[in-house]
Amino acid sequence: MNNYEEIIKHITLRIKALRIERGLSIQELAYRCDMERSNLSRLEAGRTNMTIKTLTIICNALEINIRELFR
């Protein structure tokens, strides 16, 4: 796995963990982000490319700073 893939995997697993930690379903987080559930599901699975804008929206919905995704 190259560095890019490792980073994406870490971020997607972190988003999922934070979502679960907050007791949110994929549907609820998707609603808070104003995106389709299927899009968020693909994002959590690492099957879609994320933009900074999308990450910022997700972080706002999770009420975290974007830095927390990289810890």
N, C-alpha and C. Protein backbone atom coordinates (compact mmCIF):
# COMPACT_ATOMS: atom_id res chain seq x y z
N MET A 1 0.85 -1.17 0.00
CA MET A 1 0.00 0.00 0.00
C MET A 1 0.91 1.24 0.00
N ASN A 2 0.61 2.18 -0.87
CA ASN A 2 1.43 3.39 -0.89
C ASN A 2 0.96 4.37 0.18
N ASN A 3 1.72 5.41 0.38
CA ASN A 3 1.43 6.38 1.43
C ASN A 3 0.04 7.00 1.26
N TYR A 4 -0.34 7.34 0.03
CA TYR A 4 -1.66 7.92 -0.25
C TYR A 4 -2.77 7.00 0.23
N GLU A 5 -2.66 5.72 -0.11
CA GLU A 5 -3.69 4.75 0.29
C GLU A 5 -3.75 4.60 1.81
N GLU A 6 -2.62 4.63 2.47
CA GLU A 6 -2.59 4.52 3.92
C GLU A 6 -3.26 5.73 4.57
N ILE A 7 -3.01 6.90 4.04
CA ILE A 7 -3.62 8.12 4.58
C ILE A 7 -5.13 8.08 4.40
N ILE A 8 -5.58 7.71 3.20
CA ILE A 8 -7.02 7.63 2.93
C ILE A 8 -7.67 6.62 3.86
N LYS A 9 -7.04 5.46 4.03
CA LYS A 9 -7.60 4.44 4.91
C LYS A 9 -7.70 4.96 6.34
N HIS A 10 -6.67 5.64 6.81
CA HIS A 10 -6.68 6.19 8.18
C HIS A 10 -7.83 7.19 8.33
N ILE A 11 -7.97 8.10 7.38
CA ILE A 11 -9.01 9.13 7.46
C ILE A 11 -10.40 8.51 7.44
N THR A 12 -10.62 7.56 6.53
CA THR A 12 -11.95 6.96 6.42
C THR A 12 -12.30 6.16 7.67
N LEU A 13 -11.33 5.44 8.21
CA LEU A 13 -11.58 4.70 9.46
C LEU A 13 -11.84 5.66 10.62
N ARG A 14 -11.16 6.78 10.62
CA ARG A 14 -11.35 7.78 11.68
C ARG A 14 -12.74 8.40 11.60
N ILE A 15 -13.19 8.71 10.37
CA ILE A 15 -14.54 9.25 10.21
C ILE A 15 -15.57 8.26 10.74
N LYS A 16 -15.42 7.00 10.37
CA LYS A 16 -16.37 5.98 10.82
C LYS A 16 -16.34 5.85 12.34
N ALA A 17 -15.15 5.82 12.92
CA ALA A 17 -15.03 5.68 14.37
C ALA A 17 -15.66 6.87 15.09
N LEU A 18 -15.41 8.07 14.61
CA LEU A 18 -15.99 9.26 15.23
C LEU A 18 -17.51 9.27 15.09
N ARG A 19 -18.01 8.83 13.95
CA ARG A 19 -19.46 8.75 13.73
C ARG A 19 -20.09 7.79 14.73
N ILE A 20 -19.49 6.62 14.86
CA ILE A 20 -20.01 5.60 15.78
C ILE A 20 -19.90 6.08 17.23
N GLU A 21 -18.77 6.70 17.55
CA GLU A 21 -18.55 7.24 18.91
C GLU A 21 -19.65 8.24 19.30
N ARG A 22 -20.16 8.96 18.31
CA ARG A 22 -21.21 9.94 18.57
C ARG A 22 -22.61 9.36 18.43
N GLY A 23 -22.69 8.06 18.17
CA GLY A 23 -23.98 7.39 18.09
C GLY A 23 -24.77 7.75 16.85
N LEU A 24 -24.08 8.11 15.77
CA LEU A 24 -24.76 8.50 14.53
C LEU A 24 -24.74 7.36 13.52
N SER A 25 -25.86 7.17 12.87
CA SER A 25 -25.90 6.24 11.75
C SER A 25 -25.31 6.93 10.52
N ILE A 26 -25.00 6.14 9.51
CA ILE A 26 -24.53 6.73 8.25
C ILE A 26 -25.60 7.68 7.72
N GLN A 27 -26.85 7.27 7.82
CA GLN A 27 -27.96 8.10 7.33
C GLN A 27 -28.01 9.44 8.06
N GLU A 28 -27.85 9.43 9.37
CA GLU A 28 -27.92 10.67 10.15
C GLU A 28 -26.76 11.60 9.81
N LEU A 29 -25.55 11.04 9.72
CA LEU A 29 -24.41 11.89 9.38
C LEU A 29 -24.55 12.42 7.96
N ALA A 30 -25.01 11.61 7.05
CA ALA A 30 -25.23 12.05 5.66
C ALA A 30 -26.23 13.20 5.64
N TYR A 31 -27.29 13.08 6.41
CA TYR A 31 -28.29 14.15 6.50
C TYR A 31 -27.66 15.44 7.00
N ARG A 32 -26.85 15.33 8.05
CA ARG A 32 -26.19 16.50 8.62
C ARG A 32 -25.21 17.14 7.64
N CYS A 33 -24.68 16.31 6.73
CA CYS A 33 -23.73 16.81 5.72
C CYS A 33 -24.42 17.22 4.42
N ASP A 34 -25.73 17.01 4.35
CA ASP A 34 -26.49 17.29 3.13
C ASP A 34 -25.93 16.52 1.94
N MET A 35 -25.72 15.22 2.16
CA MET A 35 -25.26 14.35 1.08
C MET A 35 -26.04 13.04 1.12
N GLU A 36 -25.99 12.32 0.03
CA GLU A 36 -26.67 11.03 -0.04
C GLU A 36 -25.97 10.02 0.88
N ARG A 37 -26.76 9.16 1.50
CA ARG A 37 -26.21 8.12 2.36
C ARG A 37 -25.20 7.26 1.60
N SER A 38 -25.54 6.92 0.36
CA SER A 38 -24.66 6.07 -0.44
C SER A 38 -23.30 6.74 -0.69
N ASN A 39 -23.29 8.06 -0.84
CA ASN A 39 -22.02 8.77 -1.03
C ASN A 39 -21.16 8.70 0.22
N LEU A 40 -21.78 8.90 1.38
CA LEU A 40 -21.04 8.83 2.63
C LEU A 40 -20.55 7.40 2.88
N SER A 41 -21.36 6.43 2.54
CA SER A 41 -20.97 5.04 2.69
C SER A 41 -19.74 4.73 1.84
N ARG A 42 -19.74 5.19 0.60
CA ARG A 42 -18.59 4.98 -0.28
C ARG A 42 -17.36 5.70 0.27
N LEU A 43 -17.56 6.87 0.81
CA LEU A 43 -16.46 7.62 1.38
C LEU A 43 -15.85 6.88 2.57
N GLU A 44 -16.70 6.40 3.46
CA GLU A 44 -16.21 5.65 4.63
C GLU A 44 -15.48 4.38 4.22
N ALA A 45 -15.88 3.80 3.10
CA ALA A 45 -15.25 2.58 2.62
C ALA A 45 -13.98 2.88 1.82
N GLY A 46 -13.69 4.15 1.58
CA GLY A 46 -12.50 4.52 0.84
C GLY A 46 -12.63 4.31 -0.66
N ARG A 47 -13.87 4.24 -1.15
CA ARG A 47 -14.09 3.98 -2.58
C ARG A 47 -14.36 5.24 -3.39
N THR A 48 -14.16 6.40 -2.78
CA THR A 48 -14.36 7.65 -3.50
C THR A 48 -13.31 8.66 -3.05
N ASN A 49 -12.97 9.56 -3.92
CA ASN A 49 -11.98 10.58 -3.60
C ASN A 49 -12.62 11.69 -2.78
N MET A 50 -11.94 12.09 -1.72
CA MET A 50 -12.46 13.13 -0.85
C MET A 50 -11.84 14.47 -1.21
N THR A 51 -12.63 15.50 -1.09
CA THR A 51 -12.09 16.85 -1.26
C THR A 51 -11.97 17.48 0.12
N ILE A 52 -11.21 18.54 0.19
CA ILE A 52 -11.10 19.29 1.45
C ILE A 52 -12.47 19.82 1.85
N LYS A 53 -13.24 20.25 0.87
CA LYS A 53 -14.59 20.75 1.15
C LYS A 53 -15.44 19.67 1.81
N THR A 54 -15.43 18.46 1.26
CA THR A 54 -16.21 17.36 1.83
C THR A 54 -15.73 17.03 3.23
N LEU A 55 -14.42 16.97 3.42
CA LEU A 55 -13.89 16.68 4.76
C LEU A 55 -14.29 17.76 5.75
N THR A 56 -14.28 19.00 5.32
CA THR A 56 -14.68 20.10 6.19
C THR A 56 -16.15 19.99 6.58
N ILE A 57 -17.00 19.65 5.63
CA ILE A 57 -18.43 19.47 5.90
C ILE A 57 -18.64 18.35 6.91
N ILE A 58 -17.95 17.24 6.71
CA ILE A 58 -18.07 16.10 7.63
C ILE A 58 -17.58 16.49 9.02
N CYS A 59 -16.46 17.16 9.08
CA CYS A 59 -15.92 17.60 10.37
C CYS A 59 -16.88 18.53 11.09
N ASN A 60 -17.48 19.44 10.36
CA ASN A 60 -18.47 20.34 10.97
C ASN A 60 -19.65 19.55 11.51
N ALA A 61 -20.11 18.55 10.76
CA ALA A 61 -21.23 17.73 11.21
C ALA A 61 -20.87 16.90 12.44
N LEU A 62 -19.60 16.48 12.52
CA LEU A 62 -19.14 15.71 13.67
C LEU A 62 -18.69 16.62 14.82
N GLU A 63 -18.70 17.92 14.56
CA GLU A 63 -18.29 18.92 15.54
C GLU A 63 -16.85 18.71 16.01
N ILE A 64 -15.96 18.53 15.03
CA ILE A 64 -14.53 18.35 15.30
C ILE A 64 -13.74 19.28 14.40
N ASN A 65 -12.50 19.47 14.76
CA ASN A 65 -11.56 20.20 13.92
C ASN A 65 -10.97 19.20 12.93
N ILE A 66 -10.70 19.63 11.72
CA ILE A 66 -10.19 18.71 10.70
C ILE A 66 -8.91 18.01 11.14
N ARG A 67 -8.12 18.64 12.00
CA ARG A 67 -6.89 18.02 12.51
C ARG A 67 -7.16 16.69 13.21
N GLU A 68 -8.34 16.56 13.81
CA GLU A 68 -8.66 15.34 14.54
C GLU A 68 -8.75 14.12 13.64
N LEU A 69 -8.93 14.33 12.34
CA LEU A 69 -8.97 13.18 11.41
C LEU A 69 -7.60 12.55 11.24
N PHE A 70 -6.56 13.29 11.51
CA PHE A 70 -5.21 12.83 11.24
C PHE A 70 -4.51 12.30 12.48
N ARG A 71 -5.20 12.24 13.60
CA ARG A 71 -4.61 11.74 14.84
C ARG A 71 -4.65 10.25 14.90
